[in-house]
């Protein structure tokens, strides 16, 4: 069974930078792992689901 992709706002931080991005992943853990692949220097990553409502 295919899992639905959800939209997450991801915050990536280290001592000097704070970057926010939006991605579609299957879970918050997948969103965090994706962000860490892009920004391996990050000291912390947090995710927040974004509510998307269908018309």
PDB file of N, CA and C in Angstrom:
ATOM      1  N   UNK A   1       0.833  -1.168   0.000  1.00  0.00           N
ATOM      2  CA  UNK A   1       0.000   0.000   0.000  1.00  0.00           C
ATOM      3  C   UNK A   1       0.890   1.247   0.000  1.00  0.00           C
ATOM      4  N   UNK A   2       0.613   2.160  -0.907  1.00  0.00           N
ATOM      5  CA  UNK A   2       1.410   3.385  -1.017  1.00  0.00           C
ATOM      6  C   UNK A   2       1.056   4.350   0.109  1.00  0.00           C
ATOM      7  N   UNK A   3       2.060   4.979   0.652  1.00  0.00           N
ATOM      8  CA  UNK A   3       1.845   5.966   1.710  1.00  0.00           C
ATOM      9  C   UNK A   3       1.791   7.358   1.100  1.00  0.00           C
ATOM     10  N   UNK A   4       0.947   8.189   1.653  1.00  0.00           N
ATOM     11  CA  UNK A   4       0.772   9.550   1.174  1.00  0.00           C
ATOM     12  C   UNK A   4       1.941  10.426   1.601  1.00  0.00           C
ATOM     13  N   UNK A   5       2.363  11.291   0.698  1.00  0.00           N
ATOM     14  CA  UNK A   5       3.383  12.267   1.050  1.00  0.00           C
ATOM     15  C   UNK A   5       2.729  13.435   1.778  1.00  0.00           C
ATOM     16  N   UNK A   6       3.351  13.862   2.860  1.00  0.00           N
ATOM     17  CA  UNK A   6       2.869  14.995   3.641  1.00  0.00           C
ATOM     18  C   UNK A   6       3.860  16.146   3.493  1.00  0.00           C
ATOM     19  N   UNK A   7       3.399  17.349   3.699  1.00  0.00           N
ATOM     20  CA  UNK A   7       4.251  18.527   3.596  1.00  0.00           C
ATOM     21  C   UNK A   7       4.762  18.912   4.974  1.00  0.00           C
ATOM     22  N   UNK A   8       6.073  19.136   5.069  1.00  0.00           N
ATOM     23  CA  UNK A   8       6.711  19.496   6.337  1.00  0.00           C
ATOM     24  C   UNK A   8       7.543  20.759   6.167  1.00  0.00           C
ATOM     25  N   UNK A   9       7.499  21.612   7.179  1.00  0.00           N
ATOM     26  CA  UNK A   9       8.435  22.724   7.276  1.00  0.00           C
ATOM     27  C   UNK A   9       9.584  22.223   8.136  1.00  0.00           C
ATOM     28  N   UNK A  10      10.796  22.335   7.632  1.00  0.00           N
ATOM     29  CA  UNK A  10      11.974  21.813   8.318  1.00  0.00           C
ATOM     30  C   UNK A  10      12.899  22.984   8.664  1.00  0.00           C
ATOM     31  N   UNK A  11      13.359  23.032   9.897  1.00  0.00           N
ATOM     32  CA  UNK A  11      14.337  24.027  10.339  1.00  0.00           C
ATOM     33  C   UNK A  11      15.649  23.313  10.603  1.00  0.00           C
ATOM     34  N   UNK A  12      16.713  23.859  10.026  1.00  0.00           N
ATOM     35  CA  UNK A  12      18.057  23.298  10.172  1.00  0.00           C
ATOM     36  C   UNK A  12      18.928  24.382  10.796  1.00  0.00           C
ATOM     37  N   UNK A  13      19.622  24.054  11.884  1.00  0.00           N
ATOM     38  CA  UNK A  13      20.440  25.062  12.563  1.00  0.00           C
ATOM     39  C   UNK A  13      21.824  24.525  12.914  1.00  0.00           C
ATOM     40  N   UNK A  14      22.766  25.464  12.995  1.00  0.00           N
ATOM     41  CA  UNK A  14      24.057  25.222  13.619  1.00  0.00           C
ATOM     42  C   UNK A  14      24.428  26.519  14.322  1.00  0.00           C
ATOM     43  N   UNK A  15      25.650  26.690  14.711  1.00  0.00           N
ATOM     44  CA  UNK A  15      26.037  27.862  15.497  1.00  0.00           C
ATOM     45  C   UNK A  15      25.879  29.172  14.725  1.00  0.00           C
ATOM     46  N   UNK A  16      25.984  29.141  13.394  1.00  0.00           N
ATOM     47  CA  UNK A  16      25.982  30.378  12.617  1.00  0.00           C
ATOM     48  C   UNK A  16      24.771  30.546  11.702  1.00  0.00           C
ATOM     49  N   UNK A  17      24.097  29.484  11.358  1.00  0.00           N
ATOM     50  CA  UNK A  17      23.036  29.572  10.356  1.00  0.00           C
ATOM     51  C   UNK A  17      21.736  28.941  10.842  1.00  0.00           C
ATOM     52  N   UNK A  18      20.636  29.471  10.327  1.00  0.00           N
ATOM     53  CA  UNK A  18      19.310  28.910  10.559  1.00  0.00           C
ATOM     54  C   UNK A  18      18.597  28.922   9.212  1.00  0.00           C
ATOM     55  N   UNK A  19      18.310  27.757   8.687  1.00  0.00           N
ATOM     56  CA  UNK A  19      17.691  27.625   7.367  1.00  0.00           C
ATOM     57  C   UNK A  19      16.352  26.926   7.525  1.00  0.00           C
ATOM     58  N   UNK A  20      15.349  27.426   6.824  1.00  0.00           N
ATOM     59  CA  UNK A  20      14.050  26.774   6.796  1.00  0.00           C
ATOM     60  C   UNK A  20      13.747  26.347   5.368  1.00  0.00           C
ATOM     61  N   UNK A  21      13.171  25.170   5.236  1.00  0.00           N
ATOM     62  CA  UNK A  21      12.788  24.671   3.933  1.00  0.00           C
ATOM     63  C   UNK A  21      11.483  23.907   4.050  1.00  0.00           C
ATOM     64  N   UNK A  22      10.846  23.710   2.924  1.00  0.00           N
ATOM     65  CA  UNK A  22       9.609  22.940   2.874  1.00  0.00           C
ATOM     66  C   UNK A  22       9.844  21.735   1.981  1.00  0.00           C
ATOM     67  N   UNK A  23       9.394  20.574   2.427  1.00  0.00           N
ATOM     68  CA  UNK A  23       9.581  19.355   1.661  1.00  0.00           C
ATOM     69  C   UNK A  23       8.372  18.445   1.832  1.00  0.00           C
ATOM     70  N   UNK A  24       8.190  17.550   0.895  1.00  0.00           N
ATOM     71  CA  UNK A  24       7.142  16.542   1.005  1.00  0.00           C
ATOM     72  C   UNK A  24       7.801  15.189   1.231  1.00  0.00           C
ATOM     73  N   UNK A  25       7.462  14.572   2.350  1.00  0.00           N
ATOM     74  CA  UNK A  25       8.021  13.280   2.722  1.00  0.00           C
ATOM     75  C   UNK A  25       6.929  12.432   3.353  1.00  0.00           C
ATOM     76  N   UNK A  26       7.235  11.171   3.609  1.00  0.00           N
ATOM     77  CA  UNK A  26       6.254  10.262   4.211  1.00  0.00           C
ATOM     78  C   UNK A  26       6.074  10.469   5.706  1.00  0.00           C
ATOM     79  N   UNK A  27       7.123  11.006   6.366  1.00  0.00           N
ATOM     80  CA  UNK A  27       7.049  11.211   7.819  1.00  0.00           C
ATOM     81  C   UNK A  27       7.995  12.335   8.214  1.00  0.00           C
ATOM     82  N   UNK A  28       7.844  12.787   9.449  1.00  0.00           N
ATOM     83  CA  UNK A  28       8.753  13.801   9.969  1.00  0.00           C
ATOM     84  C   UNK A  28      10.184  13.298  10.040  1.00  0.00           C
ATOM     85  N   UNK A  29      10.340  12.034  10.356  1.00  0.00           N
ATOM     86  CA  UNK A  29      11.687  11.438  10.400  1.00  0.00           C
ATOM     87  C   UNK A  29      12.324  11.438   9.016  1.00  0.00           C
ATOM     88  N   UNK A  30      11.538  11.126   7.984  1.00  0.00           N
ATOM     89  CA  UNK A  30      12.053  11.165   6.617  1.00  0.00           C
ATOM     90  C   UNK A  30      12.425  12.586   6.213  1.00  0.00           C
ATOM     91  N   UNK A  31      11.618  13.566   6.643  1.00  0.00           N
ATOM     92  CA  UNK A  31      11.909  14.967   6.338  1.00  0.00           C
ATOM     93  C   UNK A  31      13.210  15.409   7.002  1.00  0.00           C
ATOM     94  N   UNK A  32      13.419  14.996   8.255  1.00  0.00           N
ATOM     95  CA  UNK A  32      14.656  15.334   8.961  1.00  0.00           C
ATOM     96  C   UNK A  32      15.860  14.665   8.305  1.00  0.00           C
ATOM     97  N   UNK A  33      15.724  13.411   7.922  1.00  0.00           N
ATOM     98  CA  UNK A  33      16.822  12.699   7.264  1.00  0.00           C
ATOM     99  C   UNK A  33      17.172  13.352   5.927  1.00  0.00           C
ATOM    100  N   UNK A  34      16.160  13.780   5.187  1.00  0.00           N
ATOM    101  CA  UNK A  34      16.377  14.474   3.918  1.00  0.00           C
ATOM    102  C   UNK A  34      17.168  15.764   4.155  1.00  0.00           C
ATOM    103  N   UNK A  35      16.757  16.553   5.145  1.00  0.00           N
ATOM    104  CA  UNK A  35      17.449  17.805   5.448  1.00  0.00           C
ATOM    105  C   UNK A  35      18.898  17.552   5.847  1.00  0.00           C
ATOM    106  N   UNK A  36      19.151  16.506   6.610  1.00  0.00           N
ATOM    107  CA  UNK A  36      20.524  16.206   7.025  1.00  0.00           C
ATOM    108  C   UNK A  36      21.392  15.738   5.861  1.00  0.00           C
ATOM    109  N   UNK A  37      20.782  15.137   4.853  1.00  0.00           N
ATOM    110  CA  UNK A  37      21.559  14.781   3.658  1.00  0.00           C
ATOM    111  C   UNK A  37      21.980  16.031   2.894  1.00  0.00           C
ATOM    112  N   UNK A  38      21.109  17.050   2.891  1.00  0.00           N
ATOM    113  CA  UNK A  38      21.423  18.295   2.188  1.00  0.00           C
ATOM    114  C   UNK A  38      22.376  19.167   3.004  1.00  0.00           C
ATOM    115  N   UNK A  39      22.151  19.219   4.324  1.00  0.00           N
ATOM    116  CA  UNK A  39      22.935  20.067   5.229  1.00  0.00           C
ATOM    117  C   UNK A  39      23.598  19.204   6.301  1.00  0.00           C
ATOM    118  N   UNK A  40      24.652  18.463   5.955  1.00  0.00           N
ATOM    119  CA  UNK A  40      25.275  17.548   6.928  1.00  0.00           C
ATOM    120  C   UNK A  40      25.959  18.275   8.092  1.00  0.00           C
ATOM    121  N   UNK A  41      26.190  19.576   7.970  1.00  0.00           N
ATOM    122  CA  UNK A  41      26.825  20.359   9.032  1.00  0.00           C
ATOM    123  C   UNK A  41      25.860  20.709  10.161  1.00  0.00           C
ATOM    124  N   UNK A  42      24.593  20.431   9.998  1.00  0.00           N
ATOM    125  CA  UNK A  42      23.580  20.855  10.970  1.00  0.00           C
ATOM    126  C   UNK A  42      23.809  20.222  12.339  1.00  0.00           C
ATOM    127  N   UNK A  43      23.608  21.032  13.379  1.00  0.00           N
ATOM    128  CA  UNK A  43      23.693  20.510  14.739  1.00  0.00           C
ATOM    129  C   UNK A  43      22.315  20.134  15.275  1.00  0.00           C
ATOM    130  N   UNK A  44      21.249  20.653  14.640  1.00  0.00           N
ATOM    131  CA  UNK A  44      19.887  20.317  15.059  1.00  0.00           C
ATOM    132  C   UNK A  44      18.932  20.469  13.871  1.00  0.00           C
ATOM    133  N   UNK A  45      17.935  19.601  13.862  1.00  0.00           N
ATOM    134  CA  UNK A  45      16.904  19.652  12.825  1.00  0.00           C
ATOM    135  C   UNK A  45      15.559  19.475  13.517  1.00  0.00           C
ATOM    136  N   UNK A  46      14.583  20.283  13.133  1.00  0.00           N
ATOM    137  CA  UNK A  46      13.233  20.095  13.647  1.00  0.00           C
ATOM    138  C   UNK A  46      12.255  20.122  12.480  1.00  0.00           C
ATOM    139  N   UNK A  47      11.158  19.397  12.640  1.00  0.00           N
ATOM    140  CA  UNK A  47      10.155  19.334  11.587  1.00  0.00           C
ATOM    141  C   UNK A  47       8.788  19.717  12.150  1.00  0.00           C
ATOM    142  N   UNK A  48       7.976  20.273  11.279  1.00  0.00           N
ATOM    143  CA  UNK A  48       6.617  20.660  11.665  1.00  0.00           C
ATOM    144  C   UNK A  48       5.716  20.349  10.479  1.00  0.00           C
ATOM    145  N   UNK A  49       4.683  19.523  10.692  1.00  0.00           N
ATOM    146  CA  UNK A  49       3.773  19.251   9.576  1.00  0.00           C
ATOM    147  C   UNK A  49       2.997  20.506   9.215  1.00  0.00           C
ATOM    148  N   UNK A  50       2.793  20.692   7.936  1.00  0.00           N
ATOM    149  CA  UNK A  50       1.992  21.806   7.444  1.00  0.00           C
ATOM    150  C   UNK A  50       0.658  21.256   6.993  1.00  0.00           C
ATOM    151  N   UNK A  51      -0.401  21.818   7.526  1.00  0.00           N
ATOM    152  CA  UNK A  51      -1.743  21.371   7.144  1.00  0.00           C
ATOM    153  C   UNK A  51      -2.045  21.802   5.733  1.00  0.00           C
ATOM    154  N   UNK A  52      -2.336  20.851   4.894  1.00  0.00           N
ATOM    155  CA  UNK A  52      -2.760  21.158   3.533  1.00  0.00           C
ATOM    156  C   UNK A  52      -4.192  20.703   3.398  1.00  0.00           C
ATOM    157  N   UNK A  53      -5.029  21.606   3.004  1.00  0.00           N
ATOM    158  CA  UNK A  53      -6.436  21.269   2.865  1.00  0.00           C
ATOM    159  C   UNK A  53      -6.801  21.223   1.397  1.00  0.00           C
ATOM    160  N   UNK A  54      -7.548  20.211   1.050  1.00  0.00           N
ATOM    161  CA  UNK A  54      -7.985  20.060  -0.334  1.00  0.00           C
ATOM    162  C   UNK A  54      -9.272  20.816  -0.546  1.00  0.00           C
ATOM    163  N   UNK A  55      -9.385  21.422  -1.706  1.00  0.00           N
ATOM    164  CA  UNK A  55     -10.610  22.182  -2.027  1.00  0.00           C
ATOM    165  C   UNK A  55     -11.756  21.252  -2.357  1.00  0.00           C
TER     166      UNK A  55
END
